[in-house]
Amino acid sequence: MARIVSIASGKGGVGKSVVAANLSLLLAKKGKQVVLADLDIGGADSHILFGLLNPPLTLTDFLSRRVERLEDIAQALPVHSRLRIIPGTGNTLSTANMAYSKKKRLIRHFQEIQADVIVVDIGAGTSYHALDFFLMADHHLAVATPDPTSVLDLYRFIKLAAIRRVLSSFLARDAMAEALSDRDFSSVEEVLDVAGKTDEAGRGIAETTLRTFQPALILNRMSGRSRVNVLQLRKLLKEYVGGDLTLLGEIPDDPAMERAVRSYLPVVECEPASPAAMALGRVADALLQVLTASPSQAA
């Protein structure tokens, strides 16, 4: 069964899709059969990063049932024989407001894709779509820049993802589901309190769920002036969210990245000796270690 890696960000414009495209290609170059799936609903552009300007099939074809199997949309990319892409949808109202049944069908079909690794490019922000697609994975990566607003949005995204993960763990428990439904929780601790008061085992279940939620951070566009206190961010997340955060790697601010985008190629293919490409290689190595070391534990 394929290992699913979700890549998200708290806000747009941090280079998430570029990071996802480059890591997908690097994993393919390391011998893995990789599928890059663009689930940035309504704002898909991963295919453009590979020069695939007008894909013959997109996620819209699957959601509208013109294509029954999600894997049939996965298209080979000429840049590498082991890399395929599932192009995302266009900016349409029907896809941006995807029905719950369509979302469940989409998530179910990811489990049937034949590959070693599926890299899922999640839309930025904290919509239910973004959170659910992020949490369906075995491994969760978040991309941020040193910009303070990006770090704040990252914290908010991971906090809401943790709340969503805890709430999902109680869906099969009738009393708990009833108590937790129709409530707007602002903190993980609030969820834990309600869970503990409603069900004797509730708080313990929630805390166990949180301990398995360990997202990894990729810092993009780092420079000598960049200041991101990763230790402080980890402390905040541990204290207020309950999950741990690891730093998977840092990517320098490098003009080669923009040149690669303009060339419709990932930077690791366009300028493999550039600082950004070298840093992405180290991140891919770290990710490959994670994929090799731990068993599948999809939410």
Protein backbone atom coordinates (compact mmCIF):
# COMPACT_ATOMS: atom_id res chain seq x y z
CA MET A 1 0.00 0.00 0.00
CA ALA A 2 1.23 3.49 -0.84
CA ARG A 3 2.47 5.81 1.88
CA ILE A 4 0.61 9.12 1.76
CA VAL A 5 2.47 12.35 2.52
CA SER A 6 0.38 15.51 2.81
CA ILE A 7 1.98 18.93 2.34
CA ALA A 8 0.06 21.99 3.53
CA SER A 9 0.54 25.57 4.69
CA GLY A 10 -1.34 28.00 6.87
CA LYS A 11 -1.35 30.64 4.13
CA GLY A 12 -0.74 30.87 0.41
CA GLY A 13 2.40 32.14 -1.27
CA VAL A 14 4.95 30.26 0.84
CA GLY A 15 6.13 27.93 -1.96
CA LYS A 16 4.20 24.84 -0.85
CA SER A 17 3.42 23.56 -4.36
CA VAL A 18 7.00 24.12 -5.50
CA VAL A 19 8.29 22.15 -2.51
CA ALA A 20 5.78 19.34 -3.17
CA ALA A 21 6.74 19.12 -6.86
CA ASN A 22 10.47 19.01 -6.14
CA LEU A 23 10.17 16.44 -3.35
CA SER A 24 8.01 14.23 -5.57
CA LEU A 25 10.62 14.28 -8.33
CA LEU A 26 13.46 13.63 -5.89
CA LEU A 27 11.68 10.61 -4.40
CA ALA A 28 11.16 9.27 -7.94
CA LYS A 29 14.85 9.77 -8.68
CA LYS A 30 15.61 7.73 -5.55
CA GLY A 31 13.72 4.76 -6.98
CA LYS A 32 10.22 5.22 -5.60
CA GLN A 33 7.06 4.99 -7.68
CA VAL A 34 5.52 8.39 -6.89
CA VAL A 35 2.17 10.03 -7.56
CA LEU A 36 1.84 13.78 -6.99
CA ALA A 37 -1.82 14.64 -6.34
CA ASP A 38 -2.93 18.26 -6.47
CA LEU A 39 -5.76 18.75 -3.97
CA ASP A 40 -5.53 22.51 -3.91
CA ILE A 41 -9.24 22.64 -4.66
CA GLY A 42 -10.07 25.59 -6.90
CA GLY A 43 -6.45 26.77 -7.22
CA ALA A 44 -4.56 23.84 -8.71
CA ASP A 45 -1.27 24.58 -10.46
CA SER A 46 1.15 21.70 -9.73
CA HIS A 47 0.89 20.44 -13.32
CA ILE A 48 2.14 23.81 -14.60
CA LEU A 49 5.37 23.35 -12.64
CA PHE A 50 6.12 20.40 -14.95
CA GLY A 51 5.08 22.15 -18.16
CA LEU A 52 1.78 20.24 -18.40
CA LEU A 53 -0.29 23.29 -19.33
CA ASN A 54 -3.45 21.53 -20.55
CA PRO A 55 -3.77 18.11 -18.89
CA PRO A 56 -6.18 15.79 -20.73
CA LEU A 57 -7.73 14.65 -17.44
CA THR A 58 -8.07 16.42 -14.09
CA LEU A 59 -9.60 15.80 -10.69
CA THR A 60 -12.82 17.30 -12.03
CA ASP A 61 -13.23 14.25 -14.29
CA PHE A 62 -13.13 11.97 -11.25
CA LEU A 63 -15.41 14.13 -9.08
CA SER A 64 -17.99 14.35 -11.87
CA ARG A 65 -17.68 10.57 -12.47
CA ARG A 66 -16.55 10.93 -16.06
CA VAL A 67 -13.68 8.76 -14.81
CA GLU A 68 -14.53 6.15 -12.18
CA ARG A 69 -11.08 5.36 -10.77
CA LEU A 70 -8.84 8.07 -9.35
CA GLU A 71 -5.74 6.21 -10.50
CA ASP A 72 -6.88 6.50 -14.12
CA ILE A 73 -6.29 10.26 -13.89
CA ALA A 74 -2.67 9.81 -12.80
CA GLN A 75 -0.61 10.85 -15.85
CA ALA A 76 3.03 10.09 -16.55
CA LEU A 77 5.44 13.03 -16.59
CA PRO A 78 8.28 13.10 -19.12
CA VAL A 79 10.70 14.43 -16.51
CA HIS A 80 10.90 10.96 -14.90
CA SER A 81 9.39 7.53 -15.62
CA ARG A 82 8.55 6.84 -11.97
CA LEU A 83 6.59 10.06 -11.44
CA ARG A 84 2.90 10.55 -12.24
CA ILE A 85 0.60 13.46 -11.49
CA ILE A 86 -3.08 13.82 -10.67
CA PRO A 87 -3.84 17.38 -11.86
CA GLY A 88 -6.20 19.34 -9.68
CA THR A 89 -9.47 21.02 -10.49
CA GLY A 90 -10.09 24.43 -11.96
CA ASN A 91 -11.51 27.34 -10.01
CA THR A 92 -15.18 26.41 -10.15
CA LEU A 93 -17.91 26.77 -7.56
CA SER A 94 -18.85 23.09 -7.69
CA THR A 95 -15.35 21.88 -6.84
CA ALA A 96 -14.58 24.59 -4.27
CA ASN A 97 -17.79 23.55 -2.43
CA MET A 98 -17.29 19.82 -2.77
CA ALA A 99 -20.04 17.71 -1.21
CA TYR A 100 -19.10 15.55 1.77
CA SER A 101 -19.93 12.35 -0.13
CA LYS A 102 -17.56 13.34 -2.94
CA LYS A 103 -14.81 14.10 -0.47
CA LYS A 104 -15.22 10.71 1.24
CA ARG A 105 -15.13 8.95 -2.13
CA LEU A 106 -11.99 10.85 -3.08
CA ILE A 107 -10.22 9.98 0.17
CA ARG A 108 -11.24 6.31 -0.18
CA HIS A 109 -9.82 6.09 -3.69
CA PHE A 110 -6.41 7.30 -2.53
CA GLN A 111 -6.05 4.01 -0.67
CA GLU A 112 -6.37 2.14 -3.99
CA ILE A 113 -3.63 3.92 -5.95
CA GLN A 114 -0.73 1.66 -6.90
CA ALA A 115 2.47 3.50 -5.89
CA ASP A 116 5.17 3.60 -3.24
CA VAL A 117 4.50 7.20 -2.21
CA ILE A 118 1.62 9.60 -2.84
CA VAL A 119 2.53 13.25 -2.25
CA VAL A 120 -0.63 15.30 -1.74
CA ASP A 121 -0.43 19.05 -2.31
CA ILE A 122 -3.11 20.51 -0.02
CA GLY A 123 -4.72 23.89 -0.56
CA ALA A 124 -3.58 26.65 1.78
CA GLY A 125 -5.74 27.73 4.67
CA THR A 126 -7.92 26.07 7.28
CA SER A 127 -11.07 24.98 5.43
CA TYR A 128 -12.55 21.61 6.34
CA HIS A 129 -11.39 20.32 2.95
CA ALA A 130 -7.78 21.34 3.64
CA LEU A 131 -7.79 19.90 7.17
CA ASP A 132 -9.39 16.58 6.16
CA PHE A 133 -7.08 16.06 3.18
CA PHE A 134 -4.09 16.93 5.39
CA LEU A 135 -5.14 14.44 8.07
CA MET A 136 -5.87 11.53 5.72
CA ALA A 137 -2.12 11.02 5.23
CA ASP A 138 0.38 8.79 7.01
CA HIS A 139 2.82 11.70 7.30
CA HIS A 140 2.05 15.40 7.58
CA LEU A 141 4.34 18.19 6.36
CA ALA A 142 3.74 21.92 6.77
CA VAL A 143 5.57 24.61 4.80
CA ALA A 144 6.17 28.11 6.16
CA THR A 145 8.47 31.05 5.53
CA PRO A 146 10.25 33.13 8.19
CA ASP A 147 7.59 35.82 7.80
CA PRO A 148 5.83 36.25 11.19
CA THR A 149 2.38 36.03 9.61
CA SER A 150 3.33 32.74 7.96
CA VAL A 151 4.51 31.28 11.28
CA LEU A 152 1.32 32.49 13.02
CA ASP A 153 -0.85 30.96 10.30
CA LEU A 154 1.16 27.73 10.57
CA TYR A 155 0.47 27.58 14.32
CA ARG A 156 -3.24 28.20 13.71
CA PHE A 157 -3.39 25.54 10.99
CA ILE A 158 -1.72 22.85 13.12
CA LYS A 159 -3.92 23.72 16.11
CA LEU A 160 -7.10 23.36 14.04
CA ALA A 161 -5.78 20.16 12.42
CA ALA A 162 -5.19 18.72 15.90
CA ILE A 163 -8.73 19.64 16.97
CA ARG A 164 -10.14 18.10 13.80
CA ARG A 165 -8.11 14.93 14.36
CA VAL A 166 -9.39 14.54 17.93
CA LEU A 167 -13.00 15.15 16.90
CA SER A 168 -12.69 12.55 14.13
CA SER A 169 -11.49 9.94 16.63
CA PHE A 170 -14.88 10.09 18.40
CA LEU A 171 -17.13 9.74 15.36
CA ALA A 172 -17.85 6.10 16.16
CA ARG A 173 -18.78 6.80 19.81
CA ASP A 174 -22.43 7.88 19.85
CA ALA A 175 -22.51 9.76 23.17
CA MET A 176 -19.26 11.54 22.46
CA ALA A 177 -20.16 12.41 18.89
CA GLU A 178 -23.40 13.99 20.09
CA ALA A 179 -21.60 16.02 22.76
CA LEU A 180 -18.92 17.26 20.37
CA SER A 181 -21.11 17.98 17.36
CA ASP A 182 -22.30 21.49 16.59
CA ARG A 183 -19.65 23.08 18.82
CA ASP A 184 -16.99 25.52 17.72
CA PHE A 185 -13.85 24.64 19.69
CA SER A 186 -11.10 27.25 19.93
CA SER A 187 -8.48 25.08 21.64
CA VAL A 188 -7.47 21.46 21.99
CA GLU A 189 -7.75 21.70 25.78
CA GLU A 190 -11.42 22.63 25.42
CA VAL A 191 -11.99 19.45 23.38
CA LEU A 192 -10.17 17.39 26.00
CA ASP A 193 -12.27 18.85 28.81
CA VAL A 194 -15.58 18.13 27.07
CA ALA A 195 -14.38 14.64 26.13
CA GLY A 196 -13.40 13.88 29.72
CA LYS A 197 -16.71 15.11 31.13
CA THR A 198 -18.82 13.22 28.59
CA ASP A 199 -17.07 9.86 28.59
CA GLU A 200 -14.88 8.38 31.32
CA ALA A 201 -12.33 7.20 28.77
CA GLY A 202 -12.76 10.22 26.51
CA ARG A 203 -9.83 12.34 27.62
CA GLY A 204 -7.44 9.40 27.46
CA ILE A 205 -8.55 8.56 23.92
CA ALA A 206 -8.10 12.18 22.85
CA GLU A 207 -4.64 12.44 24.40
CA THR A 208 -3.56 9.18 22.73
CA THR A 209 -4.80 10.53 19.39
CA LEU A 210 -2.76 13.71 19.84
CA ARG A 211 0.42 11.80 20.69
CA THR A 212 0.30 10.18 17.25
CA PHE A 213 -0.02 13.57 15.53
CA GLN A 214 3.55 14.65 14.82
CA PRO A 215 3.71 17.03 11.84
CA ALA A 216 7.03 18.04 10.35
CA LEU A 217 8.01 21.55 9.34
CA ILE A 218 9.82 22.71 6.21
CA LEU A 219 11.05 26.30 6.32
CA ASN A 220 11.26 27.91 2.89
CA ARG A 221 13.00 31.10 1.67
CA MET A 222 15.42 31.25 4.55
CA SER A 223 18.15 33.89 4.50
CA GLY A 224 20.84 35.23 6.83
CA ARG A 225 18.28 37.68 8.21
CA SER A 226 15.66 34.98 8.84
CA ARG A 227 14.59 34.45 12.41
CA VAL A 228 12.29 31.56 13.19
CA ASN A 229 12.43 30.28 16.74
CA VAL A 230 11.63 26.65 16.00
CA LEU A 231 12.20 25.62 19.62
CA GLN A 232 9.67 28.19 20.81
CA LEU A 233 7.17 27.08 18.17
CA ARG A 234 7.63 23.46 19.23
CA LYS A 235 7.08 24.45 22.87
CA LEU A 236 3.87 26.31 22.01
CA LEU A 237 2.53 23.39 20.01
CA LYS A 238 3.41 20.90 22.74
CA GLU A 239 1.79 23.06 25.42
CA TYR A 240 -1.34 24.21 23.61
CA VAL A 241 -1.88 21.55 20.95
CA GLY A 242 -0.38 18.44 22.49
CA GLY A 243 1.41 17.25 19.35
CA ASP A 244 5.10 17.50 18.62
CA LEU A 245 6.74 19.26 15.69
CA THR A 246 9.99 18.28 14.01
CA LEU A 247 12.02 20.41 11.62
CA LEU A 248 12.52 18.37 8.46
CA GLY A 249 14.72 20.96 6.77
CA GLU A 250 15.33 24.50 5.57
CA ILE A 251 15.42 25.80 1.99
CA PRO A 252 17.32 29.02 1.30
CA ASP A 253 15.93 32.03 -0.51
CA ASP A 254 17.37 31.33 -3.96
CA PRO A 255 16.62 33.06 -7.30
CA ALA A 256 17.09 29.66 -8.96
CA MET A 257 13.63 28.71 -7.65
CA GLU A 258 11.94 31.49 -9.61
CA ARG A 259 14.00 30.75 -12.72
CA ALA A 260 12.91 27.10 -12.52
CA VAL A 261 9.23 28.03 -12.22
CA ARG A 262 9.57 30.26 -15.29
CA SER A 263 11.16 27.29 -17.10
CA TYR A 264 8.26 24.99 -16.16
CA LEU A 265 10.61 22.59 -14.39
CA PRO A 266 11.37 21.74 -10.74
CA VAL A 267 14.59 23.41 -9.60
CA VAL A 268 16.17 20.02 -8.81
CA GLU A 269 15.93 19.25 -12.54
CA CYS A 270 16.54 22.74 -13.92
CA GLU A 271 19.45 23.79 -11.67
CA PRO A 272 20.45 20.74 -9.59
CA ALA A 273 23.61 22.41 -8.23
CA SER A 274 21.78 25.48 -6.90
CA PRO A 275 21.58 26.05 -3.12
CA ALA A 276 17.81 25.49 -3.14
CA ALA A 277 18.10 22.21 -5.06
CA MET A 278 20.81 20.95 -2.72
CA ALA A 279 18.70 21.83 0.32
CA LEU A 280 15.65 20.11 -1.20
CA GLY A 281 17.81 17.03 -1.69
CA ARG A 282 18.57 16.98 2.03
CA VAL A 283 14.87 17.37 2.85
CA ALA A 284 14.04 14.48 0.51
CA ASP A 285 16.68 12.32 2.23
CA ALA A 286 15.16 13.15 5.63
CA LEU A 287 11.66 12.38 4.35
CA LEU A 288 12.82 9.07 2.88
CA GLN A 289 14.24 8.12 6.28
CA VAL A 290 10.88 8.87 7.90
CA LEU A 291 9.02 6.83 5.28
CA THR A 292 11.39 3.90 5.74
CA ALA A 293 11.42 3.97 9.54
CA SER A 294 7.74 4.10 10.48
CA PRO A 295 4.70 1.95 9.66
CA SER A 296 1.59 3.32 7.99
CA GLN A 297 -0.69 5.13 10.40
CA ALA A 298 -3.19 7.04 8.31
CA ALA A 299 -5.76 8.99 10.26
